[in-house]
Amino acid sequence: MANIITDKDFATKTSEGVTLVDFWAPWCGPCRMQSPIVDELAEEMEGQVAVYKMNVDEEPQTAQGFGIMSIPTLLVKKDGEVVEKLVGFHDKARLQEVLNRHI
C-alpha cells in the first residue's frame, strides 16, 4: 500500500531514488480507479520505488508548486528531479513501463 505524503515531508521523502507520487482527492472518480493500481505497484516494486499518495484537498501547496491542474496526476521523481508527469488514469502496464525506465 502506498504511504501518505504531506506538503511538509514531500521534499525529504522524494529526494533520493525513484519515487511515484499520486496526487488525488476523495471526490475524484478516476482517482478512485487509479488508487488500487498505485497500491499494487507499491507492494510489487517495494525496495525499487517509493510510492506515495498526496490528497490535494488536504495538502494543496505541493500540487500548486508543480502546476497540477487536474487529478489524478502522477509524478515520477528520480533523485529529487521530476522525470515523468502523467495526467489522468493510467493502467498498471503503462505505469510499470514508465517506472522501469527509471529504476
Protein backbone atom coordinates (compact mmCIF):
# COMPACT_ATOMS: atom_id res chain seq x y z
CA MET A 1 0.00 0.00 0.00
CA ALA A 2 1.21 3.49 -0.83
CA ASN A 3 2.25 5.77 2.02
CA ILE A 4 0.64 9.14 2.67
CA ILE A 5 2.86 12.15 1.99
CA THR A 6 2.33 15.77 3.07
CA ASP A 7 3.49 19.17 1.87
CA LYS A 8 5.83 19.24 4.88
CA ASP A 9 7.69 16.00 4.10
CA PHE A 10 7.40 15.89 0.29
CA ALA A 11 10.89 17.25 -0.49
CA THR A 12 12.60 14.97 2.03
CA LYS A 13 10.78 11.76 1.08
CA THR A 14 11.20 12.25 -2.67
CA SER A 15 14.82 13.38 -2.70
CA GLU A 16 16.53 10.01 -3.20
CA GLY A 17 15.93 7.09 -5.51
CA VAL A 18 12.86 6.60 -7.68
CA THR A 19 9.55 7.81 -6.26
CA LEU A 20 5.98 7.77 -7.57
CA VAL A 21 3.55 10.31 -6.11
CA ASP A 22 -0.18 10.01 -6.80
CA PHE A 23 -1.95 13.37 -6.44
CA TRP A 24 -5.62 12.64 -5.77
CA ALA A 25 -8.80 13.65 -3.94
CA PRO A 26 -11.58 11.50 -2.44
CA TRP A 27 -14.30 13.03 -4.66
CA CYS A 28 -12.40 12.22 -7.89
CA GLY A 29 -13.80 9.18 -9.75
CA PRO A 30 -10.69 8.48 -11.89
CA CYS A 31 -8.58 8.81 -8.72
CA ARG A 32 -10.58 6.03 -7.10
CA MET A 33 -9.86 3.86 -10.16
CA GLN A 34 -6.15 4.72 -10.06
CA SER A 35 -5.69 4.14 -6.34
CA PRO A 36 -5.75 0.30 -6.25
CA ILE A 37 -3.25 0.16 -9.12
CA VAL A 38 -0.90 2.51 -7.27
CA ASP A 39 -1.26 0.35 -4.14
CA GLU A 40 -0.42 -2.81 -6.12
CA LEU A 41 2.69 -1.18 -7.56
CA ALA A 42 3.74 -0.06 -4.07
CA GLU A 43 3.76 -3.70 -2.95
CA GLU A 44 5.23 -5.21 -6.11
CA MET A 45 8.01 -2.63 -6.50
CA GLU A 46 8.92 -2.30 -2.83
CA GLY A 47 12.64 -1.71 -2.48
CA GLN A 48 12.85 -0.31 -6.03
CA VAL A 49 10.30 2.52 -5.99
CA ALA A 50 8.91 4.51 -3.05
CA VAL A 51 5.20 5.08 -3.67
CA TYR A 52 3.21 7.88 -2.06
CA LYS A 53 -0.27 9.41 -2.22
CA MET A 54 -0.99 13.08 -1.65
CA ASN A 55 -4.55 14.33 -1.07
CA VAL A 56 -4.63 17.69 -2.90
CA ASP A 57 -7.54 18.95 -0.79
CA GLU A 58 -5.59 18.48 2.43
CA GLU A 59 -2.12 19.28 1.02
CA PRO A 60 -2.54 21.90 -1.74
CA GLN A 61 0.91 23.56 -1.68
CA THR A 62 2.92 20.86 -3.42
CA ALA A 63 0.30 20.33 -6.14
CA GLN A 64 0.21 24.06 -6.82
CA GLY A 65 4.00 24.21 -6.89
CA PHE A 66 4.10 21.57 -9.64
CA GLY A 67 1.26 23.19 -11.60
CA ILE A 68 -1.07 20.24 -11.12
CA MET A 69 -4.42 21.35 -12.53
CA SER A 70 -6.23 18.04 -12.87
CA ILE A 71 -6.20 14.79 -10.96
CA PRO A 72 -5.16 12.10 -10.85
CA THR A 73 -1.67 13.27 -11.71
CA LEU A 74 1.28 11.00 -11.08
CA LEU A 75 4.80 12.38 -10.70
CA VAL A 76 7.82 10.15 -11.08
CA LYS A 77 10.94 11.58 -9.47
CA LYS A 78 14.48 10.27 -9.59
CA ASP A 79 16.92 11.61 -7.01
CA GLY A 80 14.68 14.61 -6.39
CA GLU A 81 14.10 15.59 -10.04
CA VAL A 82 10.78 15.11 -11.85
CA VAL A 83 11.38 12.74 -14.76
CA GLU A 84 7.77 11.96 -15.73
CA LYS A 85 4.38 13.66 -15.23
CA LEU A 86 1.34 11.54 -16.07
CA VAL A 87 -2.08 13.21 -16.08
CA GLY A 88 -5.29 11.17 -15.89
CA PHE A 89 -5.88 7.47 -15.34
CA HIS A 90 -3.13 5.04 -16.44
CA ASP A 91 -3.27 1.26 -16.41
CA LYS A 92 -0.81 -0.85 -14.47
CA ALA A 93 1.23 -1.93 -17.52
CA ARG A 94 1.80 1.70 -18.54
CA LEU A 95 2.90 2.70 -15.04
CA GLN A 96 5.25 -0.28 -14.78
CA GLU A 97 6.78 0.64 -18.13
CA VAL A 98 7.38 4.23 -17.00
CA LEU A 99 8.83 3.22 -13.63
CA ASN A 100 11.09 0.54 -15.14
CA ARG A 101 12.69 3.20 -17.35
CA HIS A 102 13.97 4.99 -14.25
CA ILE A 103 14.97 2.12 -11.95
